[in-house]
Amino acid sequence: MSEPEEPPRPRIANWIVSALIGLFGVVVFTLAVRSGRSDSALLFVGLPVLLAAALAMTPARTAHGRAFLFTTVCLLLASVALQEGAVCVILAAPLVYGVVHATTGLIHWWREVNRPYYAVAVLPLLLAGGVEGTTDGLRLDPEQSVQVVRQIALPADQLAARIAAGPRPVPVRSIPLRLLGVPLPRQVTGDGLAVGDRWVFAYHGSSHGPGGHLVAEVDRAESGRIGFRFVEDTSITHRWVTWQHAELSWRPVGTGQTEVRVTAAYQRGLDPSWYFGPVQDALMHEGAGHLLDMLALA
């Protein structure tokens, strides 16, 4: 029987390269946080590339296993350092894990063909995907909108009366919002459909609590249509989304039936766009549906 193959011994050059890449990763993380760009692709793509590269350059048979453990620890530490909740960690985790394992696999492939330092040459290409969001000029399609339509078994005048009463907190029906623990208003005040009327959505039970609040003011009132502008947003969700304008409209579509439509424009707060764009769009759809639930328009 042949003797089991000994694991590759670390070379001094490997350790030096890994240490330099790891140190650079720490610097990137620090700069991202201090510059206020901790919500950009730099953190979710660029940093994982660097960390994975540092791990992959060290000789071992279980690089993917070590990368998984190290990435998990980094995600947990980042959630504490950046004061993020479980929502951001859960949303970003698939992207981060994917980037880490793809980078690890690529670099290990280069090492297997005895070209270990060629892997360093492709790092700039990998890191190019991590620059989105580092400056305002490097953002792709941050302006997004969402629209939800429901048909309610109520005449238009009765539906308008319900809307005029204002929203009220209700149990969350949306499974994605419940599973992810997305912050939702715990207290809602305000009513009315006249220009200047305000609805205040407070998080964590108090408009002055740690969750902050969102203030929407009616800026347009027409028959079967009202528009809102957002005059203040100190809510916990402000980091992920900036509300710009919203509109609520309704029209009769049959005997005793009314179609209600909510449309909201917002600016996405997370990058890269190809990942967080669809994710935030899906969550905003669920959130708009929850607003209709709060208006008793289920």
Protein backbone atom coordinates (compact mmCIF):
# COMPACT_ATOMS: atom_id res chain seq x y z
CA MET A 1 0.00 0.00 0.00
CA SER A 2 1.21 3.43 -0.76
CA GLU A 3 1.79 5.74 2.11
CA PRO A 4 -0.76 8.54 2.57
CA GLU A 5 0.28 11.73 0.91
CA GLU A 6 1.56 14.31 3.32
CA PRO A 7 -0.23 17.61 3.35
CA PRO A 8 1.66 20.36 1.55
CA ARG A 9 3.99 22.30 3.74
CA PRO A 10 3.55 26.02 3.91
CA ARG A 11 6.21 27.99 2.14
CA ILE A 12 7.52 31.26 3.46
CA ALA A 13 6.37 32.98 0.28
CA ASN A 14 2.83 31.62 0.80
CA TRP A 15 2.67 32.96 4.32
CA ILE A 16 4.02 36.35 3.25
CA VAL A 17 1.47 36.69 0.43
CA SER A 18 -1.37 35.53 2.70
CA ALA A 19 -0.35 37.92 5.46
CA LEU A 20 -0.15 40.87 3.06
CA ILE A 21 -3.55 40.10 1.52
CA GLY A 22 -5.11 39.58 4.95
CA LEU A 23 -3.63 42.85 6.23
CA PHE A 24 -4.94 44.66 3.17
CA GLY A 25 -8.37 43.14 3.85
CA VAL A 26 -8.36 44.58 7.37
CA VAL A 27 -7.42 47.99 5.97
CA VAL A 28 -10.21 47.79 3.38
CA PHE A 29 -12.73 46.89 6.09
CA THR A 30 -11.62 49.78 8.30
CA LEU A 31 -11.72 52.31 5.47
CA ALA A 32 -15.16 51.11 4.37
CA VAL A 33 -16.58 51.63 7.85
CA ARG A 34 -14.91 54.97 8.50
CA SER A 35 -15.86 56.39 5.10
CA GLY A 36 -19.49 55.46 5.58
CA ARG A 37 -19.38 53.01 2.65
CA SER A 38 -20.04 49.88 4.70
CA ASP A 39 -23.20 49.33 2.63
CA SER A 40 -21.34 49.18 -0.69
CA ALA A 41 -20.05 46.27 -2.75
CA LEU A 42 -16.63 46.97 -1.21
CA LEU A 43 -17.73 45.18 1.95
CA PHE A 44 -19.91 42.47 0.39
CA VAL A 45 -17.69 41.61 -2.61
CA GLY A 46 -14.26 43.24 -2.36
CA LEU A 47 -13.44 42.24 1.20
CA PRO A 48 -14.57 38.59 0.79
CA VAL A 49 -12.37 38.32 -2.30
CA LEU A 50 -9.34 39.47 -0.32
CA LEU A 51 -10.05 37.23 2.67
CA ALA A 52 -10.64 34.20 0.45
CA ALA A 53 -7.42 34.92 -1.43
CA ALA A 54 -5.45 35.05 1.83
CA LEU A 55 -6.90 31.70 2.91
CA ALA A 56 -6.47 30.02 -0.45
CA MET A 57 -2.80 30.98 -0.67
CA THR A 58 -2.03 29.01 2.50
CA PRO A 59 -1.45 25.28 1.87
CA ALA A 60 -4.24 23.04 3.15
CA ARG A 61 -6.56 20.31 1.93
CA THR A 62 -9.72 21.89 3.31
CA ALA A 63 -9.49 25.45 2.06
CA HIS A 64 -13.24 25.65 1.39
CA GLY A 65 -13.98 24.45 4.92
CA ARG A 66 -11.65 26.98 6.46
CA ALA A 67 -13.05 29.67 4.19
CA PHE A 68 -16.58 28.82 5.32
CA LEU A 69 -15.68 28.99 9.01
CA PHE A 70 -13.65 32.16 8.65
CA THR A 71 -16.39 33.85 6.60
CA THR A 72 -19.01 32.92 9.18
CA VAL A 73 -16.92 34.44 11.96
CA CYS A 74 -16.37 37.60 9.89
CA LEU A 75 -20.10 37.96 9.20
CA LEU A 76 -20.90 37.69 12.88
CA LEU A 77 -18.17 40.15 13.84
CA ALA A 78 -19.31 42.57 11.13
CA SER A 79 -22.87 42.43 12.41
CA VAL A 80 -21.58 43.61 15.78
CA ALA A 81 -19.04 46.13 14.51
CA LEU A 82 -21.48 47.73 12.08
CA GLN A 83 -24.42 47.50 14.48
CA GLU A 84 -26.41 45.57 11.88
CA GLY A 85 -29.31 43.34 12.70
CA ALA A 86 -29.90 39.80 11.57
CA VAL A 87 -31.66 41.13 8.47
CA CYS A 88 -28.54 42.54 6.85
CA VAL A 89 -26.45 39.51 7.78
CA ILE A 90 -29.01 37.08 6.33
CA LEU A 91 -29.47 39.11 3.14
CA ALA A 92 -25.74 39.50 2.51
CA ALA A 93 -24.66 36.00 3.56
CA PRO A 94 -25.46 34.17 0.26
CA LEU A 95 -23.52 36.78 -1.71
CA VAL A 96 -20.53 36.75 0.64
CA TYR A 97 -20.33 32.95 0.81
CA GLY A 98 -20.63 32.71 -2.97
CA VAL A 99 -17.83 35.21 -3.54
CA VAL A 100 -15.57 33.54 -0.96
CA HIS A 101 -15.95 30.01 -2.34
CA ALA A 102 -15.68 31.11 -5.97
CA THR A 103 -12.46 32.99 -5.21
CA THR A 104 -11.09 30.08 -3.17
CA GLY A 105 -11.84 27.61 -5.95
CA LEU A 106 -10.27 29.79 -8.62
CA ILE A 107 -7.05 30.34 -6.70
CA HIS A 108 -6.75 26.65 -5.78
CA TRP A 109 -7.14 25.76 -9.42
CA TRP A 110 -4.24 28.05 -10.26
CA ARG A 111 -2.15 26.43 -7.53
CA GLU A 112 -2.91 22.94 -8.82
CA VAL A 113 -1.50 23.83 -12.22
CA ASN A 114 1.64 25.10 -10.49
CA ARG A 115 0.97 28.76 -11.21
CA PRO A 116 0.29 30.03 -7.67
CA TYR A 117 1.28 33.62 -8.31
CA TYR A 118 -0.88 33.92 -11.41
CA ALA A 119 -3.79 33.92 -9.00
CA VAL A 120 -2.65 37.27 -7.67
CA ALA A 121 -2.84 38.66 -11.20
CA VAL A 122 -6.59 37.94 -11.42
CA LEU A 123 -7.37 39.60 -8.08
CA PRO A 124 -7.82 43.05 -9.66
CA LEU A 125 -10.44 41.57 -11.99
CA LEU A 126 -12.26 39.96 -9.08
CA LEU A 127 -12.05 43.11 -7.02
CA ALA A 128 -13.54 45.16 -9.87
CA GLY A 129 -16.90 43.79 -8.80
CA GLY A 130 -16.40 45.31 -5.37
CA VAL A 131 -16.13 48.98 -6.30
CA GLU A 132 -19.84 49.57 -6.90
CA GLY A 133 -21.25 51.94 -4.31
CA THR A 134 -17.90 53.18 -3.03
CA THR A 135 -18.81 56.59 -4.48
CA ASP A 136 -22.11 58.04 -5.65
CA GLY A 137 -20.82 58.05 -9.22
CA LEU A 138 -20.23 54.29 -9.12
CA ARG A 139 -23.81 53.34 -8.25
CA LEU A 140 -25.96 51.48 -10.80
CA ASP A 141 -29.72 52.15 -10.88
CA PRO A 142 -30.14 53.01 -7.18
CA GLU A 143 -33.55 54.57 -7.91
CA GLN A 144 -36.23 51.89 -7.73
CA SER A 145 -39.99 51.69 -7.32
CA VAL A 146 -42.54 49.18 -6.18
CA GLN A 147 -46.24 48.72 -6.94
CA VAL A 148 -48.85 46.46 -5.34
CA VAL A 149 -52.44 46.11 -6.55
CA ARG A 150 -55.34 44.49 -4.70
CA GLN A 151 -59.03 44.08 -5.38
CA ILE A 152 -61.11 44.73 -2.25
CA ALA A 153 -64.71 43.64 -1.70
CA LEU A 154 -65.84 47.11 -0.66
CA PRO A 155 -67.51 50.03 -2.48
CA ALA A 156 -65.13 52.88 -3.28
CA ASP A 157 -66.64 55.25 -0.70
CA GLN A 158 -66.27 52.74 2.14
CA LEU A 159 -62.72 51.93 1.09
CA ALA A 160 -61.87 55.65 1.08
CA ALA A 161 -63.24 55.92 4.62
CA ARG A 162 -60.93 53.11 5.76
CA ILE A 163 -57.93 54.80 4.20
CA ALA A 164 -58.87 58.13 5.80
CA ALA A 165 -58.83 56.43 9.22
CA GLY A 166 -55.10 55.88 8.74
CA PRO A 167 -52.99 52.74 9.14
CA ARG A 168 -52.77 50.73 12.35
CA PRO A 169 -50.28 48.02 13.42
CA VAL A 170 -51.45 44.51 12.57
CA PRO A 171 -49.86 41.04 12.74
CA VAL A 172 -47.42 40.41 9.92
CA ARG A 173 -48.91 38.12 7.28
CA SER A 174 -45.93 38.10 4.93
CA ILE A 175 -43.78 35.00 5.40
CA PRO A 176 -40.55 36.63 4.06
CA LEU A 177 -40.92 39.59 6.42
CA ARG A 178 -41.50 37.28 9.36
CA LEU A 179 -38.68 34.86 8.54
CA LEU A 180 -36.13 37.64 8.02
CA GLY A 181 -37.26 39.66 11.01
CA VAL A 182 -37.52 42.84 8.93
CA PRO A 183 -38.15 45.85 11.22
CA LEU A 184 -41.77 46.99 10.95
CA PRO A 185 -43.69 49.84 12.63
CA ARG A 186 -44.81 49.03 16.15
CA GLN A 187 -46.84 52.20 16.58
CA VAL A 188 -48.68 54.27 13.98
CA THR A 189 -50.40 57.63 14.49
CA GLY A 190 -52.18 60.02 12.15
CA ASP A 191 -55.05 59.90 9.70
CA GLY A 192 -56.77 61.98 7.02
CA LEU A 193 -56.60 62.44 3.27
CA ALA A 194 -56.21 66.23 3.10
CA VAL A 195 -53.02 67.97 2.02
CA GLY A 196 -50.84 68.43 5.11
CA ASP A 197 -52.20 65.43 7.02
CA ARG A 198 -49.43 63.26 8.42
CA TRP A 199 -48.98 59.58 9.17
CA VAL A 200 -46.17 58.67 11.57
CA PHE A 201 -44.72 55.16 11.56
CA ALA A 202 -42.70 54.50 14.72
CA TYR A 203 -40.36 51.57 15.24
CA HIS A 204 -39.63 49.74 18.49
CA GLY A 205 -42.77 51.06 20.14
CA SER A 206 -41.97 54.75 20.34
CA SER A 207 -41.48 57.58 17.90
CA HIS A 208 -38.50 58.61 20.01
CA GLY A 209 -37.22 55.09 20.59
CA PRO A 210 -34.03 53.53 19.25
CA GLY A 211 -35.83 52.39 16.09
CA GLY A 212 -36.71 55.93 15.05
CA HIS A 213 -39.72 56.91 12.97
CA LEU A 214 -40.88 57.72 9.44
CA VAL A 215 -43.18 60.70 8.80
CA ALA A 216 -45.29 60.72 5.62
CA GLU A 217 -47.24 63.87 4.70
CA VAL A 218 -50.06 64.11 2.17
CA ASP A 219 -48.84 66.46 -0.57
CA ARG A 220 -51.53 65.78 -3.17
CA ALA A 221 -55.19 64.92 -2.76
CA GLU A 222 -57.51 64.13 -5.66
CA SER A 223 -60.63 62.07 -6.11
CA GLY A 224 -59.53 58.47 -5.65
CA ARG A 225 -55.84 59.36 -5.32
CA ILE A 226 -53.49 60.73 -2.66
CA GLY A 227 -49.74 61.34 -2.79
CA PHE A 228 -47.25 61.34 0.07
CA ARG A 229 -43.88 62.93 0.58
CA PHE A 230 -41.57 61.82 3.35
CA VAL A 231 -40.62 64.75 5.55
CA GLU A 232 -38.55 62.90 8.16
CA ASP A 233 -36.93 59.50 8.37
CA THR A 234 -34.94 58.45 11.42
CA SER A 235 -36.13 54.85 11.19
CA ILE A 236 -33.90 51.84 11.57
CA THR A 237 -34.52 51.01 7.90
CA HIS A 238 -33.18 54.34 6.61
CA ARG A 239 -29.75 52.82 6.07
CA TRP A 240 -31.11 50.28 3.60
CA VAL A 241 -33.74 52.36 1.82
CA THR A 242 -34.50 56.08 1.34
CA TRP A 243 -38.18 56.72 0.68
CA GLN A 244 -38.82 59.39 -1.95
CA HIS A 245 -42.53 59.48 -2.77
CA ALA A 246 -45.61 57.28 -2.47
CA GLU A 247 -49.05 57.23 -3.97
CA LEU A 248 -52.27 55.48 -2.99
CA SER A 249 -55.11 55.25 -5.50
CA TRP A 250 -58.40 53.38 -5.81
CA ARG A 251 -61.16 52.95 -8.38
CA PRO A 252 -64.36 50.90 -8.63
CA VAL A 253 -64.03 47.80 -10.82
CA GLY A 254 -67.43 46.22 -10.35
CA THR A 255 -70.43 46.03 -8.07
CA GLY A 256 -69.14 46.38 -4.53
CA GLN A 257 -65.53 45.90 -5.73
CA THR A 258 -62.70 48.44 -5.65
CA GLU A 259 -59.17 48.17 -6.95
CA VAL A 260 -56.56 49.75 -4.69
CA ARG A 261 -53.01 50.46 -5.81
CA VAL A 262 -49.99 51.55 -3.76
CA THR A 263 -46.88 52.83 -5.56
CA ALA A 264 -43.68 53.89 -3.83
CA ALA A 265 -40.40 55.27 -5.16
CA TYR A 266 -37.25 54.75 -3.13
CA GLN A 267 -33.48 54.74 -3.36
CA ARG A 268 -31.74 51.46 -2.70
CA GLY A 269 -29.12 51.71 0.02
CA LEU A 270 -27.13 48.52 -0.59
CA ASP A 271 -24.78 47.48 -3.40
CA PRO A 272 -24.00 45.65 -5.66
CA SER A 273 -27.12 46.34 -7.71
CA TRP A 274 -27.31 42.95 -9.45
CA TYR A 275 -27.76 41.29 -6.07
CA PHE A 276 -29.42 43.76 -3.72
CA GLY A 277 -31.61 45.32 -6.43
CA PRO A 278 -33.87 42.26 -6.82
CA VAL A 279 -33.65 41.44 -3.11
CA GLN A 280 -34.82 44.88 -2.01
CA ASP A 281 -37.47 44.96 -4.72
CA ALA A 282 -38.95 41.73 -3.37
CA LEU A 283 -38.89 42.99 0.22
CA MET A 284 -40.42 46.33 -0.77
CA HIS A 285 -43.28 44.48 -2.47
CA GLU A 286 -43.92 42.62 0.78
CA GLY A 287 -43.69 45.88 2.73
CA ALA A 288 -46.19 47.63 0.46
CA GLY A 289 -48.56 44.72 0.94
CA HIS A 290 -48.15 45.06 4.70
CA LEU A 291 -49.14 48.73 4.43
CA LEU A 292 -52.41 47.69 2.80
CA ASP A 293 -52.89 45.22 5.63
CA MET A 294 -52.43 48.08 8.12
CA LEU A 295 -55.13 49.99 6.28
CA ALA A 296 -57.46 46.99 6.72
CA LEU A 297 -57.42 46.44 2.97
CA ALA A 298 -56.63 42.73 2.99
